[in-house]
């Protein structure tokens, strides 16, 4: 996940600049304008889950039943940029739950954007919240979210569920797919942290617990790779012996390159990652 050194070294993106991205088309390429994109239904949701009341934003095409996707936000949590990303995915034909990863501690949006998290004592604030998200807790949450999704009219429960995560939640995608292999058939990790470790529940050691008909893409930031150059090799080796189809690639973007309000957002590399995500979901869901 993000480290303090990485954050300190990032350029600044303020709210005015973020709004300008939308006006210039960088965000328009990712979602239709407005609170709810044309042809979509969007609502805030809550439901009982282990450790508290789960909350998030559920976005899906207004008509029909569709494969479900869980979008786990990065360290800055549930916020407009992540909802925008969820809308784009819903426009592609998916029923998307943009999750609050800190529901065990706090409800709803805590930071307006990444810059507000970075400048507002975000590291100190989220530390205790993150501590509650143990591997065991993440597995329990994944099972509860899957059960809720399968009960929604907009979800085609006969098709697999996808999940995607960013920064601290990159590893959650693999943990979730390993925890609920009968339903979660796709995991997409973007500049994920903590993927490799010796523990039995480290994501690298859970790839073989994913379903045989599942797939995973592990998209690594170039600066993360520079800091831990052997991680990709360990992930590739684990992927080679897993029953699931696992792809590992280093992208030419820095940690956070896929996230719309990130100071290092790289539209060209983000679009490559988007294409890989859609290919994964098309093949597995």
Protein backbone atom coordinates (compact mmCIF):
# COMPACT_ATOMS: atom_id res chain seq x y z
CA UNK A 1 0.00 0.00 0.00
CA UNK A 2 1.00 3.67 0.05
CA UNK A 3 3.92 4.50 2.30
CA UNK A 4 4.55 7.88 3.88
CA UNK A 5 7.67 8.29 1.75
CA UNK A 6 5.65 7.70 -1.41
CA UNK A 7 3.00 10.19 -0.37
CA UNK A 8 5.51 12.89 0.56
CA UNK A 9 7.14 12.52 -2.85
CA UNK A 10 3.89 12.82 -4.82
CA UNK A 11 2.98 16.07 -6.59
CA UNK A 12 -0.07 17.97 -5.36
CA UNK A 13 -3.53 17.64 -6.86
CA UNK A 14 -6.09 19.94 -5.27
CA UNK A 15 -9.87 19.90 -5.64
CA UNK A 16 -9.82 22.60 -8.33
CA UNK A 17 -7.38 20.55 -10.39
CA UNK A 18 -9.53 17.45 -9.92
CA UNK A 19 -12.57 19.34 -11.20
CA UNK A 20 -10.50 20.56 -14.15
CA UNK A 21 -9.71 16.97 -15.06
CA UNK A 22 -13.42 16.37 -15.51
CA UNK A 23 -13.87 19.51 -17.57
CA UNK A 24 -10.93 18.60 -19.79
CA UNK A 25 -12.30 15.15 -20.53
CA UNK A 26 -9.96 12.99 -18.46
CA UNK A 27 -12.83 12.07 -16.17
CA UNK A 28 -15.44 12.31 -18.90
CA UNK A 29 -13.67 9.41 -20.57
CA UNK A 30 -14.35 7.37 -17.46
CA UNK A 31 -17.98 8.18 -16.72
CA UNK A 32 -20.92 10.18 -17.93
CA UNK A 33 -21.38 13.58 -16.33
CA UNK A 34 -23.64 14.01 -13.31
CA UNK A 35 -24.30 12.20 -10.07
CA UNK A 36 -25.86 9.29 -11.92
CA UNK A 37 -24.69 8.36 -15.40
CA UNK A 38 -27.33 7.93 -18.11
CA UNK A 39 -29.00 4.55 -18.04
CA UNK A 40 -27.73 3.63 -14.58
CA UNK A 41 -29.34 3.21 -11.20
CA UNK A 42 -27.24 4.33 -8.24
CA UNK A 43 -27.99 4.22 -4.52
CA UNK A 44 -26.30 4.15 -1.15
CA UNK A 45 -26.75 0.82 0.62
CA UNK A 46 -26.22 -0.65 4.06
CA UNK A 47 -26.53 -4.19 5.37
CA UNK A 48 -25.44 -6.26 8.35
CA UNK A 49 -21.95 -7.74 8.05
CA UNK A 50 -19.36 -9.17 10.42
CA UNK A 51 -18.00 -6.45 12.68
CA UNK A 52 -20.61 -3.81 11.90
CA UNK A 53 -22.92 -2.39 9.26
CA UNK A 54 -21.48 -2.57 5.77
CA UNK A 55 -22.05 0.45 3.55
CA UNK A 56 -21.28 1.48 0.03
CA UNK A 57 -22.69 2.68 -3.27
CA UNK A 58 -24.46 0.20 -5.57
CA UNK A 59 -24.47 1.12 -9.27
CA UNK A 60 -25.91 -0.95 -12.11
CA UNK A 61 -27.70 -0.66 -15.45
CA UNK A 62 -31.33 0.33 -14.93
CA UNK A 63 -32.61 -2.74 -16.75
CA UNK A 64 -31.75 -6.43 -16.63
CA UNK A 65 -29.52 -8.67 -14.53
CA UNK A 66 -25.75 -8.39 -14.66
CA UNK A 67 -22.56 -9.96 -13.27
CA UNK A 68 -21.64 -8.40 -9.95
CA UNK A 69 -18.35 -6.69 -9.15
CA UNK A 70 -16.96 -5.55 -5.79
CA UNK A 71 -14.80 -2.42 -6.05
CA UNK A 72 -12.56 -2.15 -2.99
CA UNK A 73 -11.17 1.42 -2.71
CA UNK A 74 -7.61 2.35 -1.83
CA UNK A 75 -6.29 3.73 1.46
CA UNK A 76 -8.27 7.00 1.10
CA UNK A 77 -11.52 5.04 1.16
CA UNK A 78 -14.97 5.59 -0.31
CA UNK A 79 -15.13 8.91 -2.18
CA UNK A 80 -16.30 10.51 -5.47
CA UNK A 81 -13.35 9.33 -7.56
CA UNK A 82 -14.09 5.70 -6.69
CA UNK A 83 -17.79 6.15 -7.40
CA UNK A 84 -16.88 7.60 -10.81
CA UNK A 85 -14.79 4.51 -11.49
CA UNK A 86 -17.70 2.33 -10.41
CA UNK A 87 -20.05 4.14 -12.79
CA UNK A 88 -17.78 3.49 -15.72
CA UNK A 89 -17.75 -0.20 -14.92
CA UNK A 90 -21.54 -0.24 -14.54
CA UNK A 91 -21.84 1.38 -17.96
CA UNK A 92 -19.89 -1.60 -19.30
CA UNK A 93 -22.66 -3.90 -18.06
CA UNK A 94 -21.82 -4.79 -14.47
CA UNK A 95 -23.62 -4.43 -11.13
CA UNK A 96 -20.96 -2.68 -9.07
CA UNK A 97 -20.76 -2.32 -5.30
CA UNK A 98 -18.28 0.43 -4.41
CA UNK A 99 -17.41 -0.58 -0.87
CA UNK A 100 -16.47 1.30 2.28
CA UNK A 101 -13.36 -0.65 3.31
CA UNK A 102 -13.48 0.87 6.81
CA UNK A 103 -17.09 -0.01 7.67
CA UNK A 104 -15.97 -1.80 10.84
CA UNK A 105 -14.82 1.57 12.21
CA UNK A 106 -16.61 4.41 10.40
CA UNK A 107 -19.50 4.88 7.99
CA UNK A 108 -19.51 6.50 4.59
CA UNK A 109 -17.09 8.92 3.00
CA UNK A 110 -14.28 10.14 5.27
CA UNK A 111 -12.20 12.14 2.78
CA UNK A 112 -13.36 14.18 -0.20
CA UNK A 113 -10.44 13.09 -2.35
CA UNK A 114 -6.91 11.73 -2.15
CA UNK A 115 -5.44 15.16 -1.49
CA UNK A 116 -7.82 15.69 1.45
CA UNK A 117 -6.66 12.36 2.87
CA UNK A 118 -3.02 13.24 2.37
CA UNK A 119 -3.24 16.75 3.81
CA UNK A 120 -5.75 15.95 6.57
CA UNK A 121 -3.82 13.47 8.68
CA UNK A 122 -5.03 10.51 6.69
CA UNK A 123 -2.30 8.12 7.73
CA UNK A 124 -3.00 8.64 11.42
CA UNK A 125 -6.76 8.45 10.92
CA UNK A 126 -6.90 5.23 8.94
CA UNK A 127 -4.30 3.33 10.95
CA UNK A 128 -6.73 2.00 13.59
CA UNK A 129 -9.36 1.33 10.90
CA UNK A 130 -6.93 -0.68 8.82
CA UNK A 131 -5.90 -2.72 11.85
CA UNK A 132 -9.39 -4.23 12.00
CA UNK A 133 -9.08 -5.52 8.44
CA UNK A 134 -7.19 -8.70 9.21
CA UNK A 135 -7.10 -11.47 6.59
CA UNK A 136 -9.74 -13.32 8.59
CA UNK A 137 -11.95 -10.23 8.72
CA UNK A 138 -11.56 -9.62 4.99
CA UNK A 139 -12.62 -13.21 4.23
CA UNK A 140 -15.71 -12.81 6.44
CA UNK A 141 -16.58 -9.52 4.79
CA UNK A 142 -16.23 -11.00 1.32
CA UNK A 143 -18.67 -13.80 2.15
CA UNK A 144 -21.23 -11.30 3.50
CA UNK A 145 -20.90 -9.03 0.46
CA UNK A 146 -21.31 -11.96 -1.93
CA UNK A 147 -24.47 -13.09 -0.11
CA UNK A 148 -25.91 -9.58 -0.32
CA UNK A 149 -25.07 -9.20 -4.00
CA UNK A 150 -26.62 -12.54 -4.89
CA UNK A 151 -29.90 -11.37 -3.32
CA UNK A 152 -30.16 -8.26 -5.52
CA UNK A 153 -32.54 -8.19 -8.47
CA UNK A 154 -29.92 -6.45 -10.63
CA UNK A 155 -27.39 -9.27 -10.13
CA UNK A 156 -27.23 -12.37 -12.30
CA UNK A 157 -26.34 -14.89 -9.61
CA UNK A 158 -25.74 -17.60 -12.21
CA UNK A 159 -22.61 -15.77 -13.34
CA UNK A 160 -19.39 -15.31 -11.41
CA UNK A 161 -18.54 -12.26 -9.32
CA UNK A 162 -15.50 -10.09 -9.94
CA UNK A 163 -13.55 -7.98 -7.49
CA UNK A 164 -10.92 -5.30 -7.93
CA UNK A 165 -8.73 -3.52 -5.40
CA UNK A 166 -6.23 -0.70 -5.25
CA UNK A 167 -3.26 -0.02 -2.97
CA UNK A 168 -4.05 -1.68 0.38
CA UNK A 169 -7.01 -3.60 -1.10
CA UNK A 170 -5.11 -5.11 -4.01
CA UNK A 171 -4.44 -8.17 -1.88
CA UNK A 172 -8.05 -8.23 -0.70
CA UNK A 173 -9.11 -9.33 -4.17
CA UNK A 174 -7.11 -12.54 -3.91
CA UNK A 175 -8.14 -13.11 -0.28
CA UNK A 176 -11.79 -12.69 -1.28
CA UNK A 177 -11.54 -15.00 -4.28
CA UNK A 178 -9.87 -17.62 -2.08
CA UNK A 179 -12.50 -17.19 0.65
CA UNK A 180 -15.52 -17.54 -1.67
CA UNK A 181 -14.18 -19.55 -4.64
CA UNK A 182 -17.59 -20.87 -5.61
CA UNK A 183 -18.76 -17.32 -6.44
CA UNK A 184 -15.79 -14.97 -6.92
CA UNK A 185 -14.21 -15.83 -10.25
CA UNK A 186 -12.03 -12.80 -10.95
CA UNK A 187 -9.51 -10.79 -8.94
CA UNK A 188 -7.80 -7.64 -10.18
CA UNK A 189 -5.07 -6.05 -8.07
CA UNK A 190 -3.81 -2.59 -9.06
CA UNK A 191 -0.60 -1.33 -7.39
CA UNK A 192 -1.48 -3.62 -4.49
CA UNK A 193 0.54 -3.74 -1.31
CA UNK A 194 1.46 -6.67 0.91
CA UNK A 195 0.94 -9.29 -1.79
CA UNK A 196 4.02 -11.33 -0.93
CA UNK A 197 4.88 -12.81 2.46
CA UNK A 198 5.69 -16.03 4.26
CA UNK A 199 2.37 -16.24 6.09
CA UNK A 200 -0.09 -18.87 4.92
CA UNK A 201 -2.72 -16.16 4.37
CA UNK A 202 -0.47 -13.86 2.36
CA UNK A 203 -2.10 -13.28 -1.04
CA UNK A 204 0.79 -14.94 -2.89
CA UNK A 205 0.03 -18.12 -0.94
CA UNK A 206 -3.71 -17.96 -1.62
CA UNK A 207 -3.60 -17.94 -5.41
CA UNK A 208 -3.92 -21.72 -5.45
CA UNK A 209 -7.08 -21.45 -3.32
CA UNK A 210 -8.91 -19.61 -6.08
CA UNK A 211 -11.31 -21.62 -8.22
CA UNK A 212 -9.94 -23.47 -11.20
CA UNK A 213 -12.21 -21.47 -13.51
CA UNK A 214 -11.16 -18.14 -11.98
CA UNK A 215 -8.63 -15.60 -13.19
CA UNK A 216 -6.46 -12.90 -11.65
CA UNK A 217 -4.49 -9.95 -12.96
CA UNK A 218 -1.82 -8.46 -10.73
CA UNK A 219 -0.81 -5.05 -12.06
CA UNK A 220 2.31 -3.74 -10.33
CA UNK A 221 3.51 -0.12 -10.26
CA UNK A 222 7.01 0.47 -11.57
CA UNK A 223 8.19 2.16 -8.37
CA UNK A 224 6.78 -0.67 -6.25
CA UNK A 225 8.66 -3.10 -8.47
CA UNK A 226 11.85 -1.08 -8.06
CA UNK A 227 11.53 -1.35 -4.26
CA UNK A 228 10.70 -5.06 -4.25
CA UNK A 229 11.95 -6.48 -7.57
CA UNK A 230 11.54 -10.12 -6.58
CA UNK A 231 7.86 -9.84 -5.66
CA UNK A 232 6.73 -10.22 -9.25
CA UNK A 233 8.80 -13.38 -9.57
CA UNK A 234 7.23 -14.89 -6.46
CA UNK A 235 3.75 -13.99 -7.73
CA UNK A 236 4.45 -15.43 -11.16
CA UNK A 237 5.81 -18.65 -9.65
CA UNK A 238 2.75 -19.01 -7.42
CA UNK A 239 0.49 -18.22 -10.34
CA UNK A 240 2.13 -20.85 -12.51
CA UNK A 241 1.18 -23.64 -10.10
CA UNK A 242 -2.28 -22.27 -9.27
CA UNK A 243 -5.40 -23.76 -10.81
CA UNK A 244 -6.62 -20.27 -11.66
CA UNK A 245 -5.27 -18.29 -14.60
CA UNK A 246 -2.94 -15.67 -13.11
CA UNK A 247 -1.26 -12.82 -15.01
CA UNK A 248 1.42 -10.58 -13.46
CA UNK A 249 2.62 -7.40 -15.16
CA UNK A 250 4.65 -4.34 -14.20
CA UNK A 251 3.08 -1.15 -15.57
CA UNK A 252 4.92 2.03 -16.47
CA UNK A 253 3.04 4.07 -13.89
CA UNK A 254 3.82 4.84 -10.28
CA UNK A 255 1.90 3.62 -7.24
CA UNK A 256 -1.64 5.00 -7.66
CA UNK A 257 -1.51 5.42 -11.44
CA UNK A 258 -5.02 3.98 -12.03
CA UNK A 259 -6.92 6.20 -9.56
CA UNK A 260 -8.62 9.31 -10.92
CA UNK A 261 -7.79 11.66 -8.05
CA UNK A 262 -4.29 10.32 -7.45
CA UNK A 263 -1.44 12.80 -7.88
CA UNK A 264 0.28 10.25 -10.14
CA UNK A 265 -2.75 9.28 -12.25
CA UNK A 266 -1.48 8.22 -15.68
CA UNK A 267 -4.33 8.14 -18.17
CA UNK A 268 -2.53 6.10 -20.83
CA UNK A 269 -1.41 3.38 -18.43
CA UNK A 270 -4.75 3.54 -16.61
CA UNK A 271 -6.50 2.81 -19.90
CA UNK A 272 -4.24 -0.21 -20.45
CA UNK A 273 -5.18 -1.45 -17.00
CA UNK A 274 -8.88 -0.82 -17.76
CA UNK A 275 -8.62 -2.90 -20.94
CA UNK A 276 -6.99 -5.74 -18.98
CA UNK A 277 -9.75 -5.53 -16.37
CA UNK A 278 -12.52 -5.76 -18.96
CA UNK A 279 -10.78 -8.68 -20.66
CA UNK A 280 -10.58 -10.50 -17.32
CA UNK A 281 -14.26 -9.94 -16.56
CA UNK A 282 -15.35 -10.86 -20.07
CA UNK A 283 -13.49 -14.15 -19.83
CA UNK A 284 -14.41 -15.11 -16.25
CA UNK A 285 -17.80 -13.66 -15.40
